[in-house]
């Protein structure tokens, strides 16, 4: 967490509601308000529809969809009281294509995109905006966190050009400033808006 003049580090398992509530309370105690929430935690799942383990699928849904909802619910009371706030939910450029083996992961991210759009409409007029950021391939440790099918995912992305994390962070900052509904970093060749 960061505020003008300072920052604090808080360890939090975003799939644990008690830890999420404690995280928000720490922010309120330290800074008196919550202005921005970026839901960026996520995990991949690489398996064909027939091979998806239901336990793996539930785990991906918990982290990629349920946790962002829990965090939004945790910060919204403070943001409503303030009459202002920005929430950015991070989806994935894989939602632009029907790539075999990505169904479980893509389902979780498409659901997050729809949840974000609906929450944005529900919060209209409150001063709180919900936006969706859709990055393309980003040079992070994401591939190492894939719940199942890591070797297949690495082979699929072999030779791909990855964006620097700083590029995605800058785009998220712009989205926070503009408050627009959604922004993607997906190249036009893959169905996105980036030249």
N, C-alpha and C. Protein backbone atom coordinates (compact mmCIF):
# COMPACT_ATOMS: atom_id res chain seq x y z
N UNK A 1 0.84 -1.18 0.00
CA UNK A 1 0.00 0.00 0.00
C UNK A 1 0.88 1.23 0.00
N UNK A 2 0.45 2.25 -0.72
CA UNK A 2 1.23 3.47 -0.85
C UNK A 2 0.32 4.67 -0.68
N UNK A 3 0.87 5.69 -0.06
CA UNK A 3 0.19 6.97 0.10
C UNK A 3 1.26 8.04 -0.04
N UNK A 4 0.88 9.22 -0.49
CA UNK A 4 1.88 10.29 -0.59
C UNK A 4 2.64 10.38 0.71
N UNK A 5 3.94 10.25 0.60
CA UNK A 5 4.77 10.37 1.79
C UNK A 5 5.09 9.06 2.46
N UNK A 6 4.53 7.94 1.99
CA UNK A 6 4.88 6.70 2.66
C UNK A 6 4.21 5.49 2.06
N UNK A 7 4.71 4.36 2.48
CA UNK A 7 4.16 3.09 2.02
C UNK A 7 4.30 2.08 3.15
N UNK A 8 3.43 1.10 3.15
CA UNK A 8 3.55 0.00 4.09
C UNK A 8 3.34 -1.31 3.33
N UNK A 9 4.04 -2.33 3.76
CA UNK A 9 3.89 -3.65 3.15
C UNK A 9 2.98 -4.48 4.05
N UNK A 10 2.01 -5.12 3.45
CA UNK A 10 1.08 -5.97 4.21
C UNK A 10 0.94 -7.29 3.46
N UNK A 11 1.29 -8.37 4.11
CA UNK A 11 1.14 -9.69 3.51
C UNK A 11 -0.33 -10.09 3.61
N UNK A 12 -0.89 -10.56 2.49
CA UNK A 12 -2.31 -10.91 2.49
C UNK A 12 -2.59 -12.01 1.49
N UNK A 13 -3.24 -13.06 1.94
CA UNK A 13 -3.77 -14.08 1.04
C UNK A 13 -5.14 -13.59 0.62
N UNK A 14 -5.26 -13.15 -0.63
CA UNK A 14 -6.50 -12.51 -1.08
C UNK A 14 -7.66 -13.49 -1.19
N UNK A 15 -7.39 -14.78 -1.03
CA UNK A 15 -8.49 -15.75 -1.02
C UNK A 15 -9.02 -16.00 0.39
N UNK A 16 -8.46 -15.32 1.37
CA UNK A 16 -8.88 -15.46 2.77
C UNK A 16 -9.61 -14.19 3.19
N UNK A 17 -10.92 -14.28 3.38
CA UNK A 17 -11.74 -13.10 3.68
C UNK A 17 -11.30 -12.37 4.94
N UNK A 18 -10.86 -13.10 5.95
CA UNK A 18 -10.40 -12.45 7.18
C UNK A 18 -9.15 -11.61 6.91
N UNK A 19 -8.22 -12.16 6.11
CA UNK A 19 -7.02 -11.40 5.78
C UNK A 19 -7.35 -10.19 4.91
N UNK A 20 -8.31 -10.33 4.02
CA UNK A 20 -8.73 -9.20 3.17
C UNK A 20 -9.32 -8.10 4.04
N UNK A 21 -10.19 -8.46 4.98
CA UNK A 21 -10.78 -7.46 5.88
C UNK A 21 -9.69 -6.78 6.70
N UNK A 22 -8.73 -7.56 7.18
CA UNK A 22 -7.63 -6.98 7.97
C UNK A 22 -6.78 -6.04 7.11
N UNK A 23 -6.54 -6.40 5.86
CA UNK A 23 -5.78 -5.56 4.95
C UNK A 23 -6.45 -4.19 4.77
N UNK A 24 -7.73 -4.21 4.53
CA UNK A 24 -8.45 -2.94 4.34
C UNK A 24 -8.43 -2.12 5.62
N UNK A 25 -8.56 -2.78 6.76
CA UNK A 25 -8.52 -2.05 8.03
C UNK A 25 -7.15 -1.42 8.27
N UNK A 26 -6.08 -2.14 7.91
CA UNK A 26 -4.73 -1.58 8.04
C UNK A 26 -4.61 -0.32 7.18
N UNK A 27 -5.13 -0.38 5.96
CA UNK A 27 -5.08 0.79 5.07
C UNK A 27 -5.86 1.95 5.66
N UNK A 28 -7.04 1.68 6.17
CA UNK A 28 -7.86 2.74 6.77
C UNK A 28 -7.19 3.32 8.01
N UNK A 29 -6.61 2.46 8.83
CA UNK A 29 -5.92 2.94 10.04
C UNK A 29 -4.70 3.78 9.68
N UNK A 30 -3.96 3.37 8.65
CA UNK A 30 -2.73 4.06 8.28
C UNK A 30 -2.98 5.35 7.50
N UNK A 31 -3.96 5.32 6.59
CA UNK A 31 -4.13 6.44 5.67
C UNK A 31 -5.48 7.15 5.79
N UNK A 32 -6.41 6.53 6.52
CA UNK A 32 -7.72 7.16 6.71
C UNK A 32 -8.68 6.97 5.55
N UNK A 33 -8.23 6.38 4.47
CA UNK A 33 -9.08 6.20 3.30
C UNK A 33 -8.46 5.17 2.36
N UNK A 34 -9.26 4.71 1.41
CA UNK A 34 -8.79 3.84 0.34
C UNK A 34 -9.23 4.48 -0.97
N UNK A 35 -8.26 4.93 -1.75
CA UNK A 35 -8.58 5.61 -3.01
C UNK A 35 -8.56 4.69 -4.21
N UNK A 36 -7.69 3.69 -4.19
CA UNK A 36 -7.51 2.83 -5.36
C UNK A 36 -7.35 1.38 -4.92
N UNK A 37 -7.99 0.50 -5.65
CA UNK A 37 -7.79 -0.95 -5.51
C UNK A 37 -7.45 -1.49 -6.89
N UNK A 38 -6.33 -2.18 -7.00
CA UNK A 38 -5.98 -2.88 -8.24
C UNK A 38 -5.96 -4.37 -7.92
N UNK A 39 -6.90 -5.09 -8.50
CA UNK A 39 -6.96 -6.54 -8.34
C UNK A 39 -6.11 -7.17 -9.43
N UNK A 40 -4.88 -7.55 -9.07
CA UNK A 40 -3.93 -8.06 -10.05
C UNK A 40 -3.51 -9.50 -9.78
N UNK A 41 -3.85 -10.04 -8.63
CA UNK A 41 -3.46 -11.43 -8.34
C UNK A 41 -4.16 -12.35 -9.33
N UNK A 42 -3.46 -13.34 -9.80
CA UNK A 42 -4.07 -14.27 -10.74
C UNK A 42 -3.21 -15.49 -10.93
N UNK A 43 -3.85 -16.52 -11.45
CA UNK A 43 -3.15 -17.78 -11.68
C UNK A 43 -3.71 -18.42 -12.94
N UNK A 44 -2.83 -19.02 -13.74
CA UNK A 44 -3.26 -19.67 -14.97
C UNK A 44 -3.63 -21.12 -14.76
N UNK A 45 -4.24 -21.67 -15.77
CA UNK A 45 -4.61 -23.08 -15.80
C UNK A 45 -4.58 -23.51 -17.26
N UNK A 46 -3.76 -24.47 -17.58
CA UNK A 46 -3.59 -24.93 -18.96
C UNK A 46 -4.02 -26.39 -19.03
N UNK A 47 -5.20 -26.64 -19.56
CA UNK A 47 -5.71 -28.01 -19.73
C UNK A 47 -6.91 -27.96 -20.67
N UNK A 48 -7.08 -29.00 -21.45
CA UNK A 48 -8.25 -29.05 -22.31
C UNK A 48 -9.50 -29.21 -21.45
N UNK A 49 -10.63 -28.91 -22.03
CA UNK A 49 -11.90 -28.99 -21.29
C UNK A 49 -12.08 -30.36 -20.67
N UNK A 50 -11.74 -31.41 -21.39
CA UNK A 50 -11.89 -32.77 -20.87
C UNK A 50 -10.94 -33.06 -19.72
N UNK A 51 -9.81 -32.37 -19.68
CA UNK A 51 -8.76 -32.67 -18.71
C UNK A 51 -8.72 -31.73 -17.51
N UNK A 52 -9.53 -30.69 -17.49
CA UNK A 52 -9.48 -29.74 -16.38
C UNK A 52 -9.87 -30.45 -15.09
N UNK A 53 -8.99 -30.41 -14.12
CA UNK A 53 -9.32 -30.92 -12.79
C UNK A 53 -10.29 -29.93 -12.15
N UNK A 54 -11.38 -30.43 -11.62
CA UNK A 54 -12.35 -29.53 -10.99
C UNK A 54 -11.75 -28.81 -9.80
N UNK A 55 -10.85 -29.47 -9.08
CA UNK A 55 -10.18 -28.79 -7.96
C UNK A 55 -9.30 -27.65 -8.46
N UNK A 56 -8.57 -27.89 -9.55
CA UNK A 56 -7.75 -26.81 -10.13
C UNK A 56 -8.64 -25.67 -10.62
N UNK A 57 -9.74 -26.01 -11.27
CA UNK A 57 -10.66 -24.99 -11.78
C UNK A 57 -11.24 -24.15 -10.64
N UNK A 58 -11.65 -24.83 -9.58
CA UNK A 58 -12.17 -24.09 -8.41
C UNK A 58 -11.11 -23.16 -7.83
N UNK A 59 -9.87 -23.65 -7.77
CA UNK A 59 -8.78 -22.82 -7.25
C UNK A 59 -8.54 -21.58 -8.10
N UNK A 60 -8.58 -21.74 -9.42
CA UNK A 60 -8.39 -20.60 -10.32
C UNK A 60 -9.56 -19.63 -10.20
N UNK A 61 -10.78 -20.14 -10.12
CA UNK A 61 -11.94 -19.26 -9.94
C UNK A 61 -11.84 -18.50 -8.62
N UNK A 62 -11.40 -19.18 -7.58
CA UNK A 62 -11.27 -18.54 -6.26
C UNK A 62 -10.31 -17.35 -6.31
N UNK A 63 -9.16 -17.54 -6.95
CA UNK A 63 -8.17 -16.47 -7.00
C UNK A 63 -8.50 -15.41 -8.06
N UNK A 64 -8.95 -15.83 -9.23
CA UNK A 64 -9.14 -14.90 -10.34
C UNK A 64 -10.48 -14.19 -10.35
N UNK A 65 -11.47 -14.71 -9.63
CA UNK A 65 -12.82 -14.13 -9.66
C UNK A 65 -13.37 -13.82 -8.27
N UNK A 66 -13.35 -14.80 -7.39
CA UNK A 66 -13.94 -14.61 -6.06
C UNK A 66 -13.11 -13.63 -5.23
N UNK A 67 -11.79 -13.75 -5.27
CA UNK A 67 -10.94 -12.82 -4.50
C UNK A 67 -11.13 -11.37 -4.93
N UNK A 68 -11.15 -11.05 -6.23
CA UNK A 68 -11.42 -9.66 -6.60
C UNK A 68 -12.78 -9.16 -6.12
N UNK A 69 -13.79 -10.03 -6.16
CA UNK A 69 -15.10 -9.65 -5.63
C UNK A 69 -15.01 -9.35 -4.14
N UNK A 70 -14.33 -10.21 -3.39
CA UNK A 70 -14.19 -10.00 -1.94
C UNK A 70 -13.45 -8.69 -1.65
N UNK A 71 -12.42 -8.40 -2.41
CA UNK A 71 -11.68 -7.14 -2.21
C UNK A 71 -12.54 -5.93 -2.55
N UNK A 72 -13.31 -6.03 -3.65
CA UNK A 72 -14.21 -4.92 -3.98
C UNK A 72 -15.21 -4.69 -2.86
N UNK A 73 -15.80 -5.77 -2.38
CA UNK A 73 -16.77 -5.65 -1.29
C UNK A 73 -16.13 -5.06 -0.04
N UNK A 74 -14.87 -5.37 0.19
CA UNK A 74 -14.18 -4.87 1.38
C UNK A 74 -13.88 -3.38 1.31
N UNK A 75 -13.56 -2.86 0.11
CA UNK A 75 -13.21 -1.43 0.00
C UNK A 75 -14.40 -0.54 -0.33
N UNK A 76 -15.46 -1.09 -0.87
CA UNK A 76 -16.57 -0.25 -1.32
C UNK A 76 -17.23 0.58 -0.21
N UNK A 77 -17.41 0.06 1.00
CA UNK A 77 -18.01 0.93 2.02
C UNK A 77 -17.19 2.21 2.26
N UNK A 78 -15.87 2.07 2.33
CA UNK A 78 -15.02 3.25 2.53
C UNK A 78 -15.08 4.18 1.32
N UNK A 79 -15.02 3.61 0.13
CA UNK A 79 -15.08 4.44 -1.07
C UNK A 79 -16.41 5.16 -1.19
N UNK A 80 -17.50 4.49 -0.84
CA UNK A 80 -18.81 5.15 -0.88
C UNK A 80 -18.85 6.31 0.12
N UNK A 81 -18.32 6.08 1.33
CA UNK A 81 -18.29 7.16 2.33
C UNK A 81 -17.49 8.35 1.83
N UNK A 82 -16.39 8.07 1.14
CA UNK A 82 -15.53 9.13 0.61
C UNK A 82 -16.15 9.83 -0.58
N UNK A 83 -17.08 9.14 -1.25
CA UNK A 83 -17.66 9.66 -2.48
C UNK A 83 -16.71 9.57 -3.66
N UNK A 84 -15.68 8.73 -3.53
CA UNK A 84 -14.69 8.59 -4.60
C UNK A 84 -13.89 7.32 -4.42
N UNK A 85 -13.43 6.79 -5.53
CA UNK A 85 -12.55 5.63 -5.50
C UNK A 85 -12.42 5.04 -6.89
N UNK A 86 -11.32 4.35 -7.09
CA UNK A 86 -11.06 3.70 -8.37
C UNK A 86 -10.73 2.23 -8.10
N UNK A 87 -11.39 1.36 -8.82
CA UNK A 87 -11.11 -0.07 -8.76
C UNK A 87 -10.72 -0.51 -10.16
N UNK A 88 -9.58 -1.19 -10.27
CA UNK A 88 -9.13 -1.73 -11.55
C UNK A 88 -8.97 -3.24 -11.38
N UNK A 89 -9.70 -3.99 -12.17
CA UNK A 89 -9.57 -5.44 -12.19
C UNK A 89 -8.78 -5.83 -13.43
N UNK A 90 -7.76 -6.64 -13.23
CA UNK A 90 -6.86 -7.02 -14.33
C UNK A 90 -7.31 -8.36 -14.91
N UNK A 91 -7.63 -8.34 -16.19
CA UNK A 91 -8.05 -9.53 -16.92
C UNK A 91 -6.86 -10.08 -17.70
N UNK A 92 -7.09 -10.54 -18.91
CA UNK A 92 -6.01 -11.15 -19.70
C UNK A 92 -6.32 -11.06 -21.18
N UNK A 93 -5.28 -10.84 -21.97
CA UNK A 93 -5.42 -10.82 -23.42
C UNK A 93 -5.84 -12.16 -23.99
N UNK A 94 -5.70 -13.23 -23.22
CA UNK A 94 -6.14 -14.54 -23.71
C UNK A 94 -7.65 -14.59 -23.88
N UNK A 95 -8.37 -13.63 -23.30
CA UNK A 95 -9.83 -13.60 -23.46
C UNK A 95 -10.22 -13.19 -24.88
N UNK A 96 -9.27 -12.75 -25.69
CA UNK A 96 -9.56 -12.32 -27.06
C UNK A 96 -9.53 -13.48 -28.05
N UNK A 97 -9.15 -14.68 -27.62
CA UNK A 97 -9.02 -15.80 -28.54
C UNK A 97 -9.52 -17.09 -27.89
N UNK A 98 -9.90 -18.01 -28.72
CA UNK A 98 -10.36 -19.32 -28.25
C UNK A 98 -9.24 -20.34 -28.40
N UNK A 99 -8.21 -20.17 -27.59
CA UNK A 99 -7.01 -21.01 -27.68
C UNK A 99 -7.24 -22.31 -26.92
N UNK A 100 -7.11 -23.46 -27.59
CA UNK A 100 -7.29 -24.73 -26.90
C UNK A 100 -6.41 -24.82 -25.65
N UNK A 101 -6.99 -25.34 -24.59
CA UNK A 101 -6.26 -25.52 -23.34
C UNK A 101 -6.35 -24.36 -22.37
N UNK A 102 -6.96 -23.25 -22.81
CA UNK A 102 -7.04 -22.08 -21.93
C UNK A 102 -8.44 -21.86 -21.36
N UNK A 103 -9.37 -22.76 -21.61
CA UNK A 103 -10.77 -22.56 -21.23
C UNK A 103 -11.00 -22.25 -19.76
N UNK A 104 -10.37 -22.97 -18.86
CA UNK A 104 -10.58 -22.73 -17.44
C UNK A 104 -10.11 -21.36 -17.02
N UNK A 105 -8.91 -20.99 -17.46
CA UNK A 105 -8.36 -19.67 -17.13
C UNK A 105 -9.18 -18.56 -17.77
N UNK A 106 -9.45 -18.70 -19.07
CA UNK A 106 -10.20 -17.66 -19.79
C UNK A 106 -11.59 -17.48 -19.19
N UNK A 107 -12.24 -18.57 -18.80
CA UNK A 107 -13.56 -18.46 -18.19
C UNK A 107 -13.51 -17.59 -16.94
N UNK A 108 -12.47 -17.75 -16.13
CA UNK A 108 -12.36 -16.95 -14.90
C UNK A 108 -12.14 -15.48 -15.22
N UNK A 109 -11.38 -15.18 -16.26
CA UNK A 109 -11.08 -13.79 -16.61
C UNK A 109 -12.24 -13.12 -17.33
N UNK A 110 -12.95 -13.85 -18.18
CA UNK A 110 -14.15 -13.28 -18.83
C UNK A 110 -15.19 -12.96 -17.76
N UNK A 111 -15.35 -13.86 -16.80
CA UNK A 111 -16.30 -13.60 -15.71
C UNK A 111 -15.90 -12.35 -14.94
N UNK A 112 -14.60 -12.15 -14.70
CA UNK A 112 -14.13 -10.95 -14.01
C UNK A 112 -14.43 -9.70 -14.83
N UNK A 113 -14.26 -9.78 -16.14
CA UNK A 113 -14.58 -8.63 -17.00
C UNK A 113 -16.06 -8.26 -16.89
N UNK A 114 -16.93 -9.24 -16.92
CA UNK A 114 -18.38 -8.97 -16.83
C UNK A 114 -18.74 -8.43 -15.44
N UNK A 115 -18.17 -9.03 -14.39
CA UNK A 115 -18.40 -8.54 -13.04
C UNK A 115 -17.99 -7.07 -12.93
N UNK A 116 -16.86 -6.73 -13.52
CA UNK A 116 -16.36 -5.35 -13.48
C UNK A 116 -17.33 -4.41 -14.18
N UNK A 117 -17.80 -4.80 -15.36
CA UNK A 117 -18.71 -3.94 -16.13
C UNK A 117 -20.03 -3.73 -15.39
N UNK A 118 -20.53 -4.78 -14.78
CA UNK A 118 -21.79 -4.67 -14.04
C UNK A 118 -21.60 -3.82 -12.79
N UNK A 119 -20.51 -4.05 -12.06
CA UNK A 119 -20.24 -3.23 -10.87
C UNK A 119 -20.09 -1.76 -11.25
N UNK A 120 -19.46 -1.49 -12.38
CA UNK A 120 -19.31 -0.10 -12.85
C UNK A 120 -20.69 0.54 -13.03
N UNK A 121 -21.60 -0.19 -13.67
CA UNK A 121 -22.96 0.33 -13.87
C UNK A 121 -23.69 0.52 -12.54
N UNK A 122 -23.53 -0.42 -11.64
CA UNK A 122 -24.19 -0.33 -10.33
C UNK A 122 -23.70 0.86 -9.52
N UNK A 123 -22.44 1.24 -9.71
CA UNK A 123 -21.83 2.32 -8.91
C UNK A 123 -21.89 3.68 -9.60
N UNK A 124 -22.54 3.75 -10.75
CA UNK A 124 -22.63 5.01 -11.47
C UNK A 124 -23.24 6.09 -10.57
N UNK A 125 -22.61 7.25 -10.56
CA UNK A 125 -23.11 8.37 -9.77
C UNK A 125 -22.60 8.41 -8.34
N UNK A 126 -21.82 7.41 -7.93
CA UNK A 126 -21.32 7.37 -6.54
C UNK A 126 -19.93 7.98 -6.40
N UNK A 127 -19.27 8.24 -7.53
CA UNK A 127 -17.89 8.70 -7.49
C UNK A 127 -16.89 7.56 -7.51
N UNK A 128 -17.39 6.33 -7.50
CA UNK A 128 -16.53 5.14 -7.55
C UNK A 128 -16.62 4.56 -8.95
N UNK A 129 -15.47 4.32 -9.57
CA UNK A 129 -15.47 3.70 -10.89
C UNK A 129 -14.76 2.36 -10.83
N UNK A 130 -15.26 1.44 -11.63
CA UNK A 130 -14.65 0.13 -11.78
C UNK A 130 -14.22 0.00 -13.24
N UNK A 131 -12.96 -0.34 -13.44
CA UNK A 131 -12.40 -0.46 -14.78
C UNK A 131 -11.73 -1.82 -14.95
N UNK A 132 -11.55 -2.20 -16.20
CA UNK A 132 -10.87 -3.45 -16.51
C UNK A 132 -9.63 -3.17 -17.35
N UNK A 133 -8.51 -3.70 -16.93
CA UNK A 133 -7.27 -3.64 -17.70
C UNK A 133 -7.04 -5.02 -18.31
N UNK A 134 -6.76 -5.04 -19.61
CA UNK A 134 -6.52 -6.30 -20.30
C UNK A 134 -5.11 -6.27 -20.90
N UNK A 135 -4.13 -6.75 -20.15
CA UNK A 135 -2.76 -6.79 -20.69
C UNK A 135 -2.60 -7.93 -21.69
N UNK A 136 -1.52 -7.87 -22.44
CA UNK A 136 -1.15 -8.96 -23.34
C UNK A 136 -0.12 -9.79 -22.58
N UNK A 137 0.72 -10.50 -23.25
CA UNK A 137 1.77 -11.28 -22.59
C UNK A 137 2.72 -10.33 -21.86
N UNK A 138 2.92 -10.57 -20.57
CA UNK A 138 3.73 -9.68 -19.74
C UNK A 138 4.87 -10.48 -19.12
N UNK A 139 6.04 -9.89 -19.09
CA UNK A 139 7.24 -10.56 -18.60
C UNK A 139 7.25 -10.59 -17.06
N UNK A 140 6.52 -11.53 -16.50
CA UNK A 140 6.45 -11.72 -15.05
C UNK A 140 6.66 -13.20 -14.74
N UNK A 141 6.51 -13.55 -13.48
CA UNK A 141 6.64 -14.95 -13.06
C UNK A 141 5.32 -15.72 -13.24
N UNK A 142 4.37 -15.14 -13.98
CA UNK A 142 3.05 -15.75 -14.13
C UNK A 142 3.13 -17.21 -14.60
N UNK A 143 3.94 -17.48 -15.61
CA UNK A 143 4.00 -18.86 -16.13
C UNK A 143 4.40 -19.86 -15.06
N UNK A 144 5.26 -19.44 -14.14
CA UNK A 144 5.69 -20.37 -13.09
C UNK A 144 4.59 -20.63 -12.07
N UNK A 145 3.54 -19.82 -12.08
CA UNK A 145 2.45 -20.00 -11.11
C UNK A 145 1.28 -20.80 -11.67
N UNK A 146 1.37 -21.22 -12.92
CA UNK A 146 0.25 -21.92 -13.55
C UNK A 146 -0.09 -23.17 -12.76
N UNK A 147 -1.36 -23.34 -12.49
CA UNK A 147 -1.84 -24.41 -11.63
C UNK A 147 -1.64 -25.80 -12.24
N UNK A 148 -1.81 -25.93 -13.54
CA UNK A 148 -1.62 -27.21 -14.23
C UNK A 148 -1.26 -26.91 -15.69
N UNK A 149 -0.46 -27.78 -16.30
CA UNK A 149 -0.12 -27.62 -17.70
C UNK A 149 0.95 -26.58 -17.99
N UNK A 150 1.84 -26.37 -17.04
CA UNK A 150 2.87 -25.33 -17.20
C UNK A 150 3.72 -25.54 -18.45
N UNK A 151 4.15 -26.76 -18.71
CA UNK A 151 4.99 -27.02 -19.88
C UNK A 151 4.26 -26.67 -21.17
N UNK A 152 2.97 -27.00 -21.25
CA UNK A 152 2.18 -26.66 -22.44
C UNK A 152 2.08 -25.15 -22.60
N UNK A 153 1.86 -24.44 -21.50
CA UNK A 153 1.75 -22.98 -21.56
C UNK A 153 3.06 -22.35 -21.99
N UNK A 154 4.17 -22.87 -21.47
CA UNK A 154 5.48 -22.33 -21.85
C UNK A 154 5.75 -22.58 -23.33
N UNK A 155 5.38 -23.75 -23.83
CA UNK A 155 5.57 -24.06 -25.25
C UNK A 155 4.70 -23.15 -26.12
N UNK A 156 3.48 -22.89 -25.67
CA UNK A 156 2.55 -22.05 -26.43
C UNK A 156 3.06 -20.62 -26.55
N UNK A 157 3.76 -20.12 -25.53
CA UNK A 157 4.23 -18.73 -25.54
C UNK A 157 5.67 -18.61 -26.00
N UNK A 158 6.29 -19.72 -26.35
CA UNK A 158 7.68 -19.69 -26.80
C UNK A 158 7.80 -18.79 -28.03
N UNK A 159 8.73 -17.86 -27.97
CA UNK A 159 8.94 -16.94 -29.07
C UNK A 159 8.05 -15.71 -29.05
N UNK A 160 7.13 -15.64 -28.11
CA UNK A 160 6.24 -14.48 -28.02
C UNK A 160 7.02 -13.26 -27.53
N UNK A 161 6.55 -12.09 -27.91
CA UNK A 161 7.13 -10.85 -27.42
C UNK A 161 6.33 -10.43 -26.19
N UNK A 162 7.02 -10.29 -25.07
CA UNK A 162 6.36 -9.96 -23.81
C UNK A 162 6.51 -8.47 -23.50
N UNK A 163 5.46 -7.88 -22.94
CA UNK A 163 5.53 -6.50 -22.47
C UNK A 163 6.27 -6.45 -21.14
N UNK A 164 6.95 -5.35 -20.89
CA UNK A 164 7.59 -5.13 -19.59
C UNK A 164 6.51 -4.85 -18.55
N UNK A 165 6.68 -5.33 -17.32
CA UNK A 165 5.70 -5.04 -16.27
C UNK A 165 5.46 -3.54 -16.10
N UNK A 166 6.52 -2.74 -16.29
CA UNK A 166 6.38 -1.29 -16.14
C UNK A 166 5.41 -0.71 -17.17
N UNK A 167 5.38 -1.29 -18.36
CA UNK A 167 4.46 -0.82 -19.40
C UNK A 167 3.01 -1.08 -18.97
N UNK A 168 2.77 -2.24 -18.40
CA UNK A 168 1.43 -2.57 -17.92
C UNK A 168 1.07 -1.68 -16.72
N UNK A 169 2.02 -1.48 -15.82
CA UNK A 169 1.78 -0.61 -14.65
C UNK A 169 1.44 0.81 -15.09
N UNK A 170 2.16 1.33 -16.09
CA UNK A 170 1.86 2.68 -16.59
C UNK A 170 0.45 2.74 -17.18
N UNK A 171 0.06 1.70 -17.90
CA UNK A 171 -1.29 1.66 -18.48
C UNK A 171 -2.35 1.61 -17.38
N UNK A 172 -2.08 0.88 -16.31
CA UNK A 172 -3.02 0.83 -15.19
C UNK A 172 -3.12 2.20 -14.54
N UNK A 173 -2.00 2.88 -14.36
CA UNK A 173 -2.03 4.24 -13.79
C UNK A 173 -2.85 5.18 -14.66
N UNK A 174 -2.70 5.08 -15.98
CA UNK A 174 -3.51 5.91 -16.88
C UNK A 174 -4.99 5.59 -16.73
N UNK A 175 -5.31 4.32 -16.59
CA UNK A 175 -6.70 3.90 -16.41
C UNK A 175 -7.27 4.44 -15.11
N UNK A 176 -6.45 4.45 -14.06
CA UNK A 176 -6.88 5.02 -12.78
C UNK A 176 -7.19 6.50 -12.95
N UNK A 177 -6.33 7.21 -13.66
CA UNK A 177 -6.52 8.65 -13.86
C UNK A 177 -7.75 8.94 -14.71
N UNK A 178 -7.91 8.22 -15.82
CA UNK A 178 -9.02 8.51 -16.74
C UNK A 178 -10.35 7.95 -16.26
N UNK A 179 -10.31 6.84 -15.54
CA UNK A 179 -11.54 6.21 -15.09
C UNK A 179 -12.34 5.55 -16.19
N UNK A 180 -11.72 5.36 -17.37
CA UNK A 180 -12.46 4.74 -18.47
C UNK A 180 -12.82 3.30 -18.11
N UNK A 181 -13.80 2.76 -18.80
CA UNK A 181 -14.34 1.45 -18.47
C UNK A 181 -13.35 0.31 -18.68
N UNK A 182 -12.59 0.39 -19.77
CA UNK A 182 -11.65 -0.70 -20.03
C UNK A 182 -10.58 -0.23 -20.98
N UNK A 183 -9.45 -0.88 -20.88
CA UNK A 183 -8.33 -0.61 -21.76
C UNK A 183 -7.62 -1.94 -22.00
N UNK A 184 -7.16 -2.11 -23.24
CA UNK A 184 -6.39 -3.32 -23.51
C UNK A 184 -5.04 -2.96 -24.12
N UNK A 185 -4.10 -3.85 -23.90
CA UNK A 185 -2.77 -3.74 -24.49
C UNK A 185 -2.55 -4.84 -25.52
N UNK A 186 -3.65 -5.37 -26.01
CA UNK A 186 -3.61 -6.48 -26.96
C UNK A 186 -3.40 -5.93 -28.37
N UNK A 187 -2.42 -6.46 -29.11
CA UNK A 187 -2.20 -5.98 -30.47
C UNK A 187 -3.42 -6.19 -31.37
N UNK A 188 -3.60 -5.28 -32.33
CA UNK A 188 -4.71 -5.37 -33.28
C UNK A 188 -4.73 -6.74 -33.96
N UNK A 189 -3.57 -7.27 -34.25
CA UNK A 189 -3.48 -8.57 -34.92
C UNK A 189 -4.14 -9.69 -34.12
N UNK A 190 -4.28 -9.49 -32.81
CA UNK A 190 -4.92 -10.48 -31.94
C UNK A 190 -6.31 -10.05 -31.48
N UNK A 191 -6.85 -8.99 -32.09
CA UNK A 191 -8.20 -8.55 -31.76
C UNK A 191 -8.28 -7.38 -30.81
N UNK A 192 -7.13 -6.85 -30.39
CA UNK A 192 -7.12 -5.73 -29.45
C UNK A 192 -7.06 -4.40 -30.15
N UNK A 193 -6.70 -3.37 -29.39
CA UNK A 193 -6.68 -2.01 -29.92
C UNK A 193 -5.27 -1.45 -30.08
N UNK A 194 -4.26 -2.18 -29.63
CA UNK A 194 -2.89 -1.65 -29.70
C UNK A 194 -2.30 -1.86 -31.09
N UNK A 195 -1.83 -0.78 -31.72
CA UNK A 195 -1.23 -0.91 -33.06
C UNK A 195 -0.02 -1.83 -33.06
